[in-house]
Protein backbone atom coordinates (compact mmCIF):
# COMPACT_ATOMS: atom_id res chain seq x y z
CA MET A 1 15.11 25.09 3.18
CA LYS A 2 13.78 22.32 5.63
CA ILE A 3 10.92 20.43 4.53
CA LEU A 4 9.04 17.98 6.61
CA VAL A 5 6.73 15.61 5.55
CA ILE A 6 4.06 13.83 7.56
CA GLN A 7 2.47 10.43 6.76
CA GLN A 8 1.88 8.36 9.73
CA LYS A 9 0.11 4.84 10.03
CA MET A 10 -0.42 2.49 6.97
CA ILE A 11 2.23 1.18 5.15
CA GLY A 12 0.79 1.65 1.64
CA ASP A 13 0.10 5.41 2.77
CA VAL A 14 3.64 5.84 3.57
CA LEU A 15 4.86 4.28 0.48
CA THR A 16 2.54 6.36 -1.75
CA SER A 17 3.33 9.60 0.08
CA SER A 18 7.12 9.07 -0.52
CA ILE A 19 6.52 10.05 -4.03
CA LEU A 20 6.65 13.79 -2.87
CA PHE A 21 10.36 13.19 -2.11
CA GLU A 22 11.28 12.76 -5.92
CA VAL A 23 9.56 15.68 -6.75
CA LEU A 24 10.82 18.15 -4.04
CA ARG A 25 14.16 16.77 -4.46
CA HIS A 26 14.07 17.79 -8.05
CA GLU A 27 12.72 21.29 -7.19
CA TYR A 28 14.97 21.59 -4.33
CA PRO A 29 18.22 19.75 -4.49
CA LYS A 30 19.96 21.32 -1.77
CA ALA A 31 16.88 21.31 0.71
CA GLN A 32 16.57 18.85 3.76
CA LEU A 33 13.97 16.56 3.40
CA ASP A 34 12.60 14.68 6.18
CA TYR A 35 9.97 12.18 6.63
CA LEU A 36 7.86 11.89 9.74
CA ILE A 37 6.29 8.18 9.83
CA ASN A 38 5.39 5.38 12.26
CA ASP A 39 8.59 3.14 12.87
CA TYR A 40 6.74 -0.21 11.60
CA THR A 41 6.53 1.36 8.21
CA TYR A 42 10.10 2.20 7.68
CA PRO A 43 10.91 -0.75 5.38
CA VAL A 44 8.83 0.24 2.57
CA VAL A 45 11.07 3.58 2.48
CA GLU A 46 14.34 2.25 3.71
CA ASN A 47 17.04 3.44 1.12
CA ASN A 48 14.98 5.85 -0.52
CA PRO A 49 17.71 8.29 -1.97
CA PHE A 50 15.42 11.38 -2.03
CA ILE A 51 14.93 11.28 1.87
CA ASP A 52 17.58 12.78 4.19
CA ASN A 53 16.03 12.16 7.73
CA PHE A 54 13.48 9.88 9.18
CA ILE A 55 11.51 10.94 12.12
CA PHE A 56 9.70 7.97 13.90
CA PHE A 57 6.57 8.14 15.80
CA THR A 58 7.02 4.73 17.91
CA LYS A 59 4.60 2.86 19.65
CA LYS A 60 6.25 3.73 23.12
CA GLU A 61 5.73 7.29 22.23
CA GLU A 62 2.03 7.08 21.26
CA GLN A 63 1.38 5.01 24.91
CA ILE A 64 3.17 7.68 26.74
CA LYS A 65 0.48 10.40 28.15
CA HIS A 66 2.56 12.93 26.65
CA GLY A 67 4.52 11.29 23.88
CA LEU A 68 3.01 13.24 20.95
CA PHE A 69 3.77 16.72 22.60
CA VAL A 70 7.64 15.35 23.37
CA LEU A 71 7.40 14.58 19.73
CA ALA A 72 6.12 18.08 18.64
CA LYS A 73 8.81 19.63 20.53
CA LYS A 74 11.44 17.81 19.09
CA ILE A 75 10.11 18.72 15.92
CA LYS A 76 9.47 22.48 16.64
CA ALA A 77 13.46 22.39 17.65
CA GLN A 78 14.31 21.32 14.04
CA GLN A 79 13.06 24.68 12.74
CA TYR A 80 11.22 23.77 9.63
CA ASP A 81 10.51 26.29 6.79
CA VAL A 82 7.65 24.02 5.37
CA VAL A 83 5.50 21.29 6.71
CA ILE A 84 3.29 19.06 4.74
CA ASP A 85 0.76 17.21 6.47
CA VAL A 86 -0.55 14.55 4.36
CA TYR A 87 -2.01 12.56 7.26
CA SER A 88 -4.23 15.17 8.57
CA LYS A 89 -5.49 13.91 11.51
CA LEU A 90 -5.51 15.09 15.27
CA SER A 91 -1.70 13.86 16.01
CA SER A 92 -0.53 15.44 12.81
CA ASN A 93 -2.74 18.57 13.29
CA ILE A 94 -1.05 18.89 16.64
CA ILE A 95 2.60 18.57 15.34
CA SER A 96 2.04 20.89 12.49
CA LEU A 97 0.53 23.52 14.66
CA TYR A 98 3.41 23.49 17.04
CA SER A 99 5.90 23.16 14.51
CA GLY A 100 6.82 27.01 13.99
CA ALA A 101 6.93 26.45 10.26
CA LYS A 102 6.27 29.24 8.39
CA ILE A 103 4.46 27.40 5.65
CA LYS A 104 1.96 24.74 6.69
CA ILE A 105 0.17 22.61 3.92
CA SER A 106 -2.46 20.17 4.30
CA TYR A 107 -6.11 18.93 2.93
CA TYR A 108 -8.78 21.43 3.41
CA LYS A 109 -11.08 20.23 6.61
CA LEU A 110 -13.46 23.01 7.99
CA TYR A 111 -12.41 22.31 11.83
CA THR A 112 -8.63 22.34 11.19
CA ALA A 113 -8.16 24.87 8.45
CA TRP A 114 -7.07 27.77 10.83
CA ILE A 115 -3.82 25.34 11.69
CA TYR A 116 -2.59 25.68 8.16
CA ASN A 117 -1.28 28.60 5.72
CA GLU A 118 -2.42 26.39 2.84
CA ASN A 119 -5.49 24.21 2.90
CA VAL A 120 -5.92 22.15 -0.17
CA LYS A 121 -8.92 20.79 -1.67
CA ARG A 122 -9.32 17.31 -2.66
CA LYS A 123 -10.46 16.39 -6.25
CA LYS A 124 -13.44 13.89 -6.69
CA LYS A 125 -12.03 12.59 -10.03
CA SER A 126 -8.92 12.21 -11.87
CA LYS A 127 -7.99 11.99 -15.38
CA THR A 128 -5.39 9.14 -14.53
CA ASN A 129 -7.80 7.45 -11.65
CA ASN A 130 -4.98 7.71 -9.63
CA LEU A 131 -6.69 9.82 -6.85
CA ALA A 132 -4.23 8.61 -4.06
CA ILE A 133 -1.46 10.05 -6.27
CA THR A 134 -3.59 13.18 -7.30
CA HIS A 135 -4.14 14.17 -4.09
CA ARG A 136 -0.47 14.09 -2.79
CA LEU A 137 0.87 15.81 -5.58
CA LYS A 138 -2.03 18.74 -5.09
CA LEU A 139 -0.13 19.14 -1.51
CA LEU A 140 2.83 20.61 -3.65
CA CYS A 141 0.71 23.28 -5.50
CA PRO A 142 1.53 26.03 -2.82
CA LEU A 143 4.84 25.74 -3.39
CA TYR A 144 4.23 26.57 -7.21
CA ILE A 145 5.02 22.95 -8.02
CA ASP A 146 3.18 20.98 -10.69
CA ALA A 147 4.13 17.59 -11.18
CA GLU A 148 2.82 14.83 -13.24
CA PRO A 149 1.55 11.35 -11.50
CA LEU A 150 4.66 9.17 -10.74
CA GLN A 151 4.62 5.54 -9.50
CA PRO A 152 6.11 4.87 -5.72
CA LYS A 153 9.30 2.87 -5.58
CA ILE A 154 10.89 0.65 -3.23
CA TYR A 155 14.84 0.32 -3.32
CA LEU A 156 16.02 -3.06 -2.60
CA SER A 157 20.03 -3.57 -2.49
CA LYS A 158 21.75 -6.18 -4.47
CA GLN A 159 22.47 -7.94 -1.53
CA GLU A 160 18.67 -8.42 -0.50
CA ILE A 161 18.01 -9.45 -4.00
CA LYS A 162 20.84 -12.22 -4.14
CA ASP A 163 19.66 -13.13 -0.61
CA SER A 164 16.15 -13.83 -1.20
CA ALA A 165 16.82 -15.63 -4.42
CA LEU A 166 19.09 -17.86 -2.67
CA PHE A 167 16.32 -18.13 0.04
CA LEU A 168 13.52 -19.53 -2.53
CA THR A 169 16.25 -21.91 -4.21
CA GLN A 170 16.97 -23.45 -0.88
CA ASN A 171 13.51 -23.98 -0.24
CA LYS A 172 13.00 -25.85 -3.64
CA LEU A 173 11.56 -22.92 -5.66
CA LYS A 174 12.54 -23.20 -9.25
CA LEU A 175 12.82 -19.61 -10.60
CA GLU A 176 12.85 -20.66 -14.02
CA PHE A 177 9.23 -21.32 -13.50
CA PRO A 178 6.25 -18.99 -12.51
CA VAL A 179 6.02 -17.91 -8.80
CA PHE A 180 2.98 -16.00 -7.66
CA MET A 181 2.79 -14.31 -4.25
CA ILE A 182 -0.82 -14.87 -2.93
CA SER A 183 -2.19 -12.10 -0.76
CA VAL A 184 -4.53 -14.40 0.88
CA LEU A 185 -5.84 -12.37 3.71
CA GLY A 186 -6.42 -8.58 4.24
CA SER A 187 -5.35 -6.42 7.06
CA THR A 188 -8.92 -6.91 8.64
CA LYS A 189 -11.93 -9.07 8.24
CA ASN A 190 -13.86 -6.42 5.94
CA LYS A 191 -10.87 -6.06 3.83
CA THR A 192 -10.44 -10.11 3.52
CA TYR A 193 -12.20 -11.82 0.40
CA PRO A 194 -14.27 -14.73 1.95
CA PHE A 195 -11.91 -17.95 2.39
CA ALA A 196 -13.94 -20.22 0.16
CA PHE A 197 -13.89 -17.68 -2.88
CA MET A 198 -10.15 -16.92 -2.33
CA ALA A 199 -9.57 -20.93 -2.41
CA HIS A 200 -11.43 -20.77 -5.67
CA VAL A 201 -9.29 -18.05 -7.23
CA VAL A 202 -6.11 -19.94 -6.27
CA ASP A 203 -7.14 -22.97 -7.73
CA THR A 204 -7.85 -20.94 -10.87
CA ILE A 205 -4.40 -19.77 -10.70
CA VAL A 206 -3.03 -23.48 -11.03
CA GLU A 207 -5.35 -24.61 -13.38
CA GLU A 208 -4.30 -21.83 -15.70
CA GLN A 209 -0.50 -22.00 -14.98
CA PRO A 210 0.09 -25.97 -14.24
CA LYS A 211 3.70 -24.95 -13.49
CA ALA A 212 2.95 -22.19 -10.99
CA GLN A 213 4.39 -22.10 -7.43
CA LEU A 214 2.53 -20.41 -5.06
CA LEU A 215 3.63 -18.57 -1.73
CA PHE A 216 1.12 -17.52 0.84
CA ASN A 217 1.69 -13.73 2.35
CA TYR A 218 0.64 -13.87 6.02
CA ILE A 219 2.08 -12.84 9.25
CA PRO A 220 2.33 -15.29 12.10
CA ASN A 221 -0.80 -14.48 13.80
CA GLN A 222 -2.78 -15.13 10.54
CA ALA A 223 -1.31 -18.63 9.87
CA GLU A 224 -4.74 -20.45 11.28
CA ASP A 225 -6.81 -18.49 8.54
CA ALA A 226 -4.30 -18.90 5.92
CA LYS A 227 -4.09 -22.79 6.81
CA THR A 228 -7.93 -22.66 6.48
CA ILE A 229 -7.72 -21.37 3.04
CA PHE A 230 -5.17 -23.75 1.97
CA ASN A 231 -7.14 -26.72 3.22
CA LEU A 232 -10.19 -25.38 0.99
CA CYS A 233 -7.94 -25.68 -2.17
CA LYS A 234 -8.03 -28.57 -4.17
CA PRO A 235 -5.28 -31.30 -3.89
CA LYS A 236 -3.49 -30.39 -7.05
CA THR A 237 -3.27 -26.79 -5.85
CA LYS A 238 -2.18 -27.56 -2.28
CA ASP A 239 0.69 -29.56 -4.01
CA GLN A 240 1.99 -26.42 -5.45
CA ILE A 241 1.68 -23.95 -2.61
CA TYR A 242 4.86 -23.56 -0.54
CA PHE A 243 3.01 -22.70 2.88
CA ASN A 244 5.80 -22.27 4.94
CA VAL A 245 7.93 -20.17 2.73
CA PHE A 246 7.43 -16.62 3.73
CA GLY A 247 9.30 -13.46 4.78
CA LYS A 248 9.79 -13.11 8.23
CA SER A 249 10.24 -9.66 8.18
CA LEU A 250 8.53 -6.87 5.78
CA ARG A 251 11.97 -6.31 4.16
CA GLN A 252 12.22 -9.90 3.45
CA PHE A 253 8.85 -9.96 1.95
CA LEU A 254 9.72 -7.41 -0.56
CA ALA A 255 12.70 -9.09 -1.61
CA ILE A 256 10.94 -12.47 -2.00
CA THR A 257 8.13 -10.59 -4.01
CA TYR A 258 10.88 -9.00 -6.09
CA HIS A 259 11.10 -12.24 -7.73
CA CYS A 260 7.38 -13.04 -8.44
CA ASP A 261 5.91 -12.89 -11.63
CA ALA A 262 2.82 -11.64 -10.13
CA LEU A 263 0.97 -10.82 -6.81
CA ILE A 264 -2.40 -11.75 -6.54
CA GLY A 265 -5.02 -11.42 -4.03
CA ASN A 266 -6.73 -9.05 -1.57
CA GLU A 267 -6.04 -5.33 -2.35
CA GLY A 268 -3.84 -3.32 0.27
CA GLY A 269 -0.27 -2.35 1.01
CA ALA A 270 1.06 -5.60 -0.41
CA VAL A 271 -0.40 -4.93 -3.60
CA ASN A 272 0.91 -1.35 -3.54
CA MET A 273 4.46 -2.43 -2.76
CA ALA A 274 4.37 -5.06 -5.35
CA LYS A 275 3.56 -2.45 -7.94
CA ALA A 276 6.60 -0.13 -6.56
CA MET A 277 8.68 -3.14 -7.72
CA LYS A 278 7.29 -3.43 -11.47
CA VAL A 279 5.40 -6.68 -10.35
CA LYS A 280 2.34 -7.19 -11.98
CA THR A 281 -0.92 -7.43 -9.60
CA PHE A 282 -4.34 -8.67 -9.84
CA SER A 283 -6.12 -7.22 -6.46
CA ILE A 284 -9.34 -7.82 -5.20
CA PHE A 285 -11.27 -4.71 -3.54
CA SER A 286 -13.06 -4.74 -0.63
CA PRO A 287 -16.68 -3.47 -1.30
CA TRP A 288 -15.97 -0.33 1.18
CA ILE A 289 -13.02 0.55 -0.54
CA ASP A 290 -12.97 3.43 -3.15
CA LYS A 291 -11.43 1.93 -6.14
CA ALA A 292 -10.98 5.18 -8.03
CA SER A 293 -8.48 6.14 -5.16
CA TRP A 294 -6.37 3.26 -5.08
CA SER A 295 -6.36 1.44 -8.44
CA LEU A 296 -2.94 2.87 -8.63
CA PHE A 297 -1.51 2.82 -12.46
CA GLU A 298 -3.95 0.13 -13.37
CA GLU A 299 -3.37 -1.16 -17.00
CA GLU A 300 -3.20 -4.72 -18.55
CA LYS A 301 -0.33 -5.23 -16.22
CA ASN A 302 -2.20 -4.16 -13.04
CA ILE A 303 -5.68 -5.43 -12.91
CA GLY A 304 -8.05 -4.44 -9.79
CA VAL A 305 -11.89 -5.76 -9.59
CA HIS A 306 -14.19 -4.32 -7.15
CA LEU A 307 -18.21 -5.30 -6.43
CA LYS A 308 -19.01 -2.10 -8.07
CA ASP A 309 -17.45 -2.81 -11.53
CA TYR A 310 -20.35 -5.66 -11.89
CA TYR A 311 -23.17 -4.19 -9.87
CA PRO A 312 -22.90 -0.73 -9.81
CA GLU A 313 -26.65 -0.22 -8.92
CA TYR A 314 -25.82 -1.32 -5.46
CA TYR A 315 -23.89 1.85 -4.93
CA THR A 316 -26.26 4.50 -3.94
CA LYS A 317 -23.73 6.26 -1.75
CA PRO A 318 -19.84 6.54 -1.23
CA GLU A 319 -17.97 3.27 -0.81
CA LYS A 320 -16.94 4.21 2.60
CA GLN A 321 -20.16 4.19 3.99
CA TYR A 322 -20.78 0.47 3.30
CA LYS A 323 -17.82 -0.30 5.67
CA LYS A 324 -20.46 -2.08 8.09
CA GLU A 325 -22.04 -4.00 5.40
CA ALA A 326 -18.77 -5.34 3.80
CA LEU A 327 -19.28 -8.86 4.95
CA GLN A 328 -22.50 -9.00 3.31
CA LEU A 329 -21.32 -7.53 0.11
CA TYR A 330 -18.26 -9.70 -0.02
CA GLN A 331 -20.93 -12.59 -0.59
CA LEU A 332 -22.24 -11.24 -3.79
CA PHE A 333 -18.65 -10.77 -5.09
CA LYS A 334 -18.36 -14.46 -6.22
CA PRO A 335 -14.94 -15.17 -8.22
CA GLU A 336 -17.13 -16.12 -11.41
CA LEU A 337 -17.53 -12.53 -11.75
CA PHE A 338 -13.96 -11.78 -12.65
CA SER A 339 -13.03 -15.24 -13.90
CA ASN A 340 -12.71 -14.55 -17.48
CA GLN A 341 -10.19 -11.45 -16.49
CA LEU A 342 -8.40 -13.43 -14.15
CA LYS A 343 -7.59 -15.97 -16.65
CA THR A 344 -6.64 -13.45 -19.41
CA PHE A 345 -4.37 -11.78 -16.93
CA LEU A 346 -2.64 -14.98 -16.00
CA LYS A 347 -2.51 -16.10 -19.96
CA ALA A 348 -0.40 -12.90 -20.62
CA LEU A 349 1.92 -13.43 -17.92
């Protein structure tokens, strides 16, 4: 049997959807299990022992006029028995349609239902509150697979772990003292906690953990914004931020985060990656993101806070419908609202 799973775009989605392979491998130990993803997301699933082959949808193919159809033709030639379309957008609809697979599975949408043999309806609630996990596992129901929720995993090599520890010590960090990765910036402005509020959060970490060593997670084109947050911090806090120590690749970021006691900051892919390595997390959700879907495996070791937790009366419609109002809503989401939760989290480390 040959099975293809399609999950394009975001890193967090690609990591989360990788749980399907662990379940499928258990059910079909001899099957060929392949994963279609965007090439830049590969680092979060590299070395995954349950995946046989990766098919990459590159930027070059996206930019070429007929690139998608060339890719669809290549996939059809592989003669997959089953296609599981987790992405469920136009590009994956086209790939699924032309795949030639006998079984095509995706989420139910009125306008694409005709493409798939099996259309799975999403749940509105989950007993575990891990809707992102629940929805993906439901895609296996047409194959008569009923799996319990499981956590995504990232597979680092021993050499990567060793090299990242050496990198940190060479940059004068002491691994016997607490190390915190700070997700200071979100992927977009409407997913980024206001700079002054984030500086307050960073100051609180140092107040509660006087020996804390802080690393800022940002990419080169975010350096100016990251520096702005740094400059808003108190002098004592600045002394404990290793601003220029960061991963120069996604894989290096993962290896560095592995050595951290916790990741704290904006909810997003970095939080999901930290959880996948059993690193504790404290995440601040954007006001327009549905916490019920993405507060994965939340417990005393993984805390997520959302404006809706404190002002449920503001939400008279689904969170996604507040996307355009996110920046205004952020101003109501003052750090004092969750200060005690953050302090409790830090004391427990």
